[in-house]
Amino acid sequence: MSLPTDAHTALETFNGALSWEQRARLLMQWGDRLPPISDDEKTDEHLVDGCESKVWLVGDVIDGHWQFRAASDARLIRGLVALLLARVNGLSLQALQQVDLVEWFTQLGLSRQLSSSRSNGLNAVLQKMRQIAS
């Protein structure tokens, strides 16, 4: 399966990081680059259930390809969500259904740093994306 451009960029960037400290810094930087969502969009309807931190998710389909935007009150989570968006933005519904979260974060070298609660939260975000898309 072909990866979106941002996903290739993420893989190159994170695979170039030699230490966890470098990856952690990169994670924060990716989170800071999340496209903003407006305060009007930070509603219960857009809130992802199953995350310990608050995560809001908005999705639009453009020419059959999904574009998601998200926000979180937690900096580390913003970075992880930004990396998830890099992986899924631009995908069709069918491709979105096939995204493997664990494999993606393993490829980035971040899976060992994902606690089970963070992993569950990211799974909840991915499920919400699929729900919005279908």
C-alpha atoms as a PDB file:
ATOM      1  CA  MET A   1       0.000   0.000   0.000  1.00  0.00           C
ATOM      2  CA  SER A   2       1.382   3.405  -0.928  1.00  0.00           C
ATOM      3  CA  LEU A   3       1.893   5.951   1.822  1.00  0.00           C
ATOM      4  CA  PRO A   4       0.841   9.609   1.761  1.00  0.00           C
ATOM      5  CA  THR A   5       3.707  12.092   1.276  1.00  0.00           C
ATOM      6  CA  ASP A   6       3.541  13.261   4.907  1.00  0.00           C
ATOM      7  CA  ALA A   7       3.874   9.647   6.051  1.00  0.00           C
ATOM      8  CA  HIS A   8       7.066   9.233   3.999  1.00  0.00           C
ATOM      9  CA  THR A   9       8.392  12.450   5.537  1.00  0.00           C
ATOM     10  CA  ALA A  10       7.563  11.185   9.032  1.00  0.00           C
ATOM     11  CA  LEU A  11       9.330   7.867   8.409  1.00  0.00           C
ATOM     12  CA  GLU A  12      12.471   9.587   7.073  1.00  0.00           C
ATOM     13  CA  THR A  13      12.503  12.064   9.952  1.00  0.00           C
ATOM     14  CA  PHE A  14      11.924   9.577  12.775  1.00  0.00           C
ATOM     15  CA  ASN A  15      14.160   6.871  11.352  1.00  0.00           C
ATOM     16  CA  GLY A  16      16.942   9.472  11.211  1.00  0.00           C
ATOM     17  CA  ALA A  17      16.597  10.126  14.940  1.00  0.00           C
ATOM     18  CA  LEU A  18      19.213   8.187  16.866  1.00  0.00           C
ATOM     19  CA  SER A  19      17.907   8.530  20.409  1.00  0.00           C
ATOM     20  CA  TRP A  20      14.615   8.592  22.238  1.00  0.00           C
ATOM     21  CA  GLU A  21      15.359  12.229  23.227  1.00  0.00           C
ATOM     22  CA  GLN A  22      15.568  13.182  19.540  1.00  0.00           C
ATOM     23  CA  ARG A  23      12.333  11.322  18.789  1.00  0.00           C
ATOM     24  CA  ALA A  24      10.591  13.002  21.733  1.00  0.00           C
ATOM     25  CA  ARG A  25      11.664  16.446  20.442  1.00  0.00           C
ATOM     26  CA  LEU A  26      10.456  15.543  16.950  1.00  0.00           C
ATOM     27  CA  LEU A  27       7.160  14.354  18.386  1.00  0.00           C
ATOM     28  CA  MET A  28       6.597  17.754  20.046  1.00  0.00           C
ATOM     29  CA  GLN A  29       7.529  19.556  16.806  1.00  0.00           C
ATOM     30  CA  TRP A  30       5.051  17.478  14.790  1.00  0.00           C
ATOM     31  CA  GLY A  31       2.363  18.258  17.357  1.00  0.00           C
ATOM     32  CA  ASP A  32       3.070  21.974  17.063  1.00  0.00           C
ATOM     33  CA  ARG A  33       2.449  21.731  13.289  1.00  0.00           C
ATOM     34  CA  LEU A  34      -1.067  20.312  13.620  1.00  0.00           C
ATOM     35  CA  PRO A  35      -3.455  22.389  11.529  1.00  0.00           C
ATOM     36  CA  PRO A  36      -5.588  24.269  14.046  1.00  0.00           C
ATOM     37  CA  ILE A  37      -9.233  23.550  14.654  1.00  0.00           C
ATOM     38  CA  SER A  38     -11.421  26.414  15.791  1.00  0.00           C
ATOM     39  CA  ASP A  39     -12.852  26.717  19.281  1.00  0.00           C
ATOM     40  CA  ASP A  40     -16.289  26.330  17.644  1.00  0.00           C
ATOM     41  CA  GLU A  41     -15.212  22.856  16.510  1.00  0.00           C
ATOM     42  CA  LYS A  42     -14.087  21.802  19.998  1.00  0.00           C
ATOM     43  CA  THR A  43     -17.509  20.362  20.806  1.00  0.00           C
ATOM     44  CA  ASP A  44     -18.614  17.116  22.438  1.00  0.00           C
ATOM     45  CA  GLU A  45     -19.607  15.893  18.971  1.00  0.00           C
ATOM     46  CA  HIS A  46     -15.955  16.107  17.859  1.00  0.00           C
ATOM     47  CA  LEU A  47     -14.474  14.808  21.120  1.00  0.00           C
ATOM     48  CA  VAL A  48     -12.941  11.333  20.852  1.00  0.00           C
ATOM     49  CA  ASP A  49     -14.226   8.874  23.456  1.00  0.00           C
ATOM     50  CA  GLY A  50     -11.599   6.606  25.001  1.00  0.00           C
ATOM     51  CA  CYS A  51      -8.742   9.090  25.317  1.00  0.00           C
ATOM     52  CA  GLU A  52      -7.397  10.098  28.720  1.00  0.00           C
ATOM     53  CA  SER A  53      -6.457  13.470  27.220  1.00  0.00           C
ATOM     54  CA  LYS A  54      -9.004  15.514  25.345  1.00  0.00           C
ATOM     55  CA  VAL A  55      -8.756  14.990  21.584  1.00  0.00           C
ATOM     56  CA  TRP A  56     -11.071  16.655  19.103  1.00  0.00           C
ATOM     57  CA  LEU A  57     -11.295  15.322  15.557  1.00  0.00           C
ATOM     58  CA  VAL A  58     -12.848  16.838  12.440  1.00  0.00           C
ATOM     59  CA  GLY A  59     -12.867  15.199   9.017  1.00  0.00           C
ATOM     60  CA  ASP A  60     -13.755  16.289   5.492  1.00  0.00           C
ATOM     61  CA  VAL A  61     -13.769  14.302   2.288  1.00  0.00           C
ATOM     62  CA  ILE A  62     -12.224  16.038  -0.723  1.00  0.00           C
ATOM     63  CA  ASP A  63     -12.430  14.252  -4.080  1.00  0.00           C
ATOM     64  CA  GLY A  64     -12.920  10.907  -2.346  1.00  0.00           C
ATOM     65  CA  HIS A  65      -9.922  11.383  -0.042  1.00  0.00           C
ATOM     66  CA  TRP A  66     -10.150  12.077   3.668  1.00  0.00           C
ATOM     67  CA  GLN A  67      -8.539  15.061   5.372  1.00  0.00           C
ATOM     68  CA  PHE A  68      -8.653  15.108   9.142  1.00  0.00           C
ATOM     69  CA  ARG A  69      -7.770  17.861  11.571  1.00  0.00           C
ATOM     70  CA  ALA A  70      -7.325  17.355  15.291  1.00  0.00           C
ATOM     71  CA  ALA A  71      -6.447  19.116  18.511  1.00  0.00           C
ATOM     72  CA  SER A  72      -5.454  17.915  21.956  1.00  0.00           C
ATOM     73  CA  ASP A  73      -4.833  19.515  25.320  1.00  0.00           C
ATOM     74  CA  ALA A  74      -1.764  17.277  25.828  1.00  0.00           C
ATOM     75  CA  ARG A  75       1.450  18.050  23.969  1.00  0.00           C
ATOM     76  CA  LEU A  76       2.711  14.468  23.577  1.00  0.00           C
ATOM     77  CA  ILE A  77      -0.704  13.324  22.373  1.00  0.00           C
ATOM     78  CA  ARG A  78      -0.765  16.185  19.830  1.00  0.00           C
ATOM     79  CA  GLY A  79       2.470  14.808  18.400  1.00  0.00           C
ATOM     80  CA  LEU A  80       1.172  11.240  18.231  1.00  0.00           C
ATOM     81  CA  VAL A  81      -2.093  12.387  16.652  1.00  0.00           C
ATOM     82  CA  ALA A  82      -0.130  14.510  14.140  1.00  0.00           C
ATOM     83  CA  LEU A  83       1.779  11.375  13.123  1.00  0.00           C
ATOM     84  CA  LEU A  84      -1.479   9.453  12.788  1.00  0.00           C
ATOM     85  CA  LEU A  85      -2.849  12.249  10.568  1.00  0.00           C
ATOM     86  CA  ALA A  86       0.326  12.077   8.465  1.00  0.00           C
ATOM     87  CA  ARG A  87      -0.462   8.396   7.904  1.00  0.00           C
ATOM     88  CA  VAL A  88      -4.170   8.741   7.078  1.00  0.00           C
ATOM     89  CA  ASN A  89      -4.723  12.132   5.441  1.00  0.00           C
ATOM     90  CA  GLY A  90      -5.371  11.758   1.740  1.00  0.00           C
ATOM     91  CA  LEU A  91      -6.568   8.156   1.994  1.00  0.00           C
ATOM     92  CA  SER A  92      -9.806   6.755   0.630  1.00  0.00           C
ATOM     93  CA  LEU A  93     -12.273   5.126   3.024  1.00  0.00           C
ATOM     94  CA  GLN A  94     -11.071   1.688   1.881  1.00  0.00           C
ATOM     95  CA  ALA A  95      -7.404   2.528   2.560  1.00  0.00           C
ATOM     96  CA  LEU A  96      -8.355   4.112   5.897  1.00  0.00           C
ATOM     97  CA  GLN A  97     -10.003   0.844   6.977  1.00  0.00           C
ATOM     98  CA  GLN A  98      -6.688  -0.974   6.381  1.00  0.00           C
ATOM     99  CA  VAL A  99      -4.391   1.283   8.415  1.00  0.00           C
ATOM    100  CA  ASP A 100      -2.500  -0.708  11.052  1.00  0.00           C
ATOM    101  CA  LEU A 101      -1.800   1.593  13.983  1.00  0.00           C
ATOM    102  CA  VAL A 102       0.730  -0.652  15.742  1.00  0.00           C
ATOM    103  CA  GLU A 103       2.658  -1.277  12.531  1.00  0.00           C
ATOM    104  CA  TRP A 104       2.783   2.462  11.762  1.00  0.00           C
ATOM    105  CA  PHE A 105       4.190   3.427  15.168  1.00  0.00           C
ATOM    106  CA  THR A 106       6.606   0.471  15.006  1.00  0.00           C
ATOM    107  CA  GLN A 107       7.903   1.755  11.653  1.00  0.00           C
ATOM    108  CA  LEU A 108       8.418   5.162  13.271  1.00  0.00           C
ATOM    109  CA  GLY A 109      10.340   3.554  16.146  1.00  0.00           C
ATOM    110  CA  LEU A 110       7.802   4.805  18.679  1.00  0.00           C
ATOM    111  CA  SER A 111       5.879   1.663  19.614  1.00  0.00           C
ATOM    112  CA  ARG A 112       7.940   0.904  22.742  1.00  0.00           C
ATOM    113  CA  GLN A 113       7.144   4.376  24.057  1.00  0.00           C
ATOM    114  CA  LEU A 114       3.385   3.930  23.612  1.00  0.00           C
ATOM    115  CA  SER A 115       1.832   3.061  26.951  1.00  0.00           C
ATOM    116  CA  SER A 116      -1.282   0.921  26.737  1.00  0.00           C
ATOM    117  CA  SER A 117      -3.470   3.921  27.596  1.00  0.00           C
ATOM    118  CA  ARG A 118      -1.872   6.006  24.800  1.00  0.00           C
ATOM    119  CA  SER A 119      -2.183   3.103  22.407  1.00  0.00           C
ATOM    120  CA  ASN A 120      -5.866   2.704  23.351  1.00  0.00           C
ATOM    121  CA  GLY A 121      -6.388   6.443  22.914  1.00  0.00           C
ATOM    122  CA  LEU A 122      -4.826   6.434  19.446  1.00  0.00           C
ATOM    123  CA  ASN A 123      -6.937   3.416  18.531  1.00  0.00           C
ATOM    124  CA  ALA A 124      -9.976   5.407  19.655  1.00  0.00           C
ATOM    125  CA  VAL A 125      -8.901   8.279  17.365  1.00  0.00           C
ATOM    126  CA  LEU A 126      -8.499   5.878  14.421  1.00  0.00           C
ATOM    127  CA  GLN A 127     -11.902   4.310  15.141  1.00  0.00           C
ATOM    128  CA  LYS A 128     -13.477   7.787  15.231  1.00  0.00           C
ATOM    129  CA  MET A 129     -11.861   8.557  11.854  1.00  0.00           C
ATOM    130  CA  ARG A 130     -13.367   5.376  10.413  1.00  0.00           C
ATOM    131  CA  GLN A 131     -16.736   6.237  11.960  1.00  0.00           C
ATOM    132  CA  ILE A 132     -16.657   9.765  10.442  1.00  0.00           C
ATOM    133  CA  ALA A 133     -15.609   8.338   7.073  1.00  0.00           C
ATOM    134  CA  SER A 134     -18.277   5.659   6.797  1.00  0.00           C
END
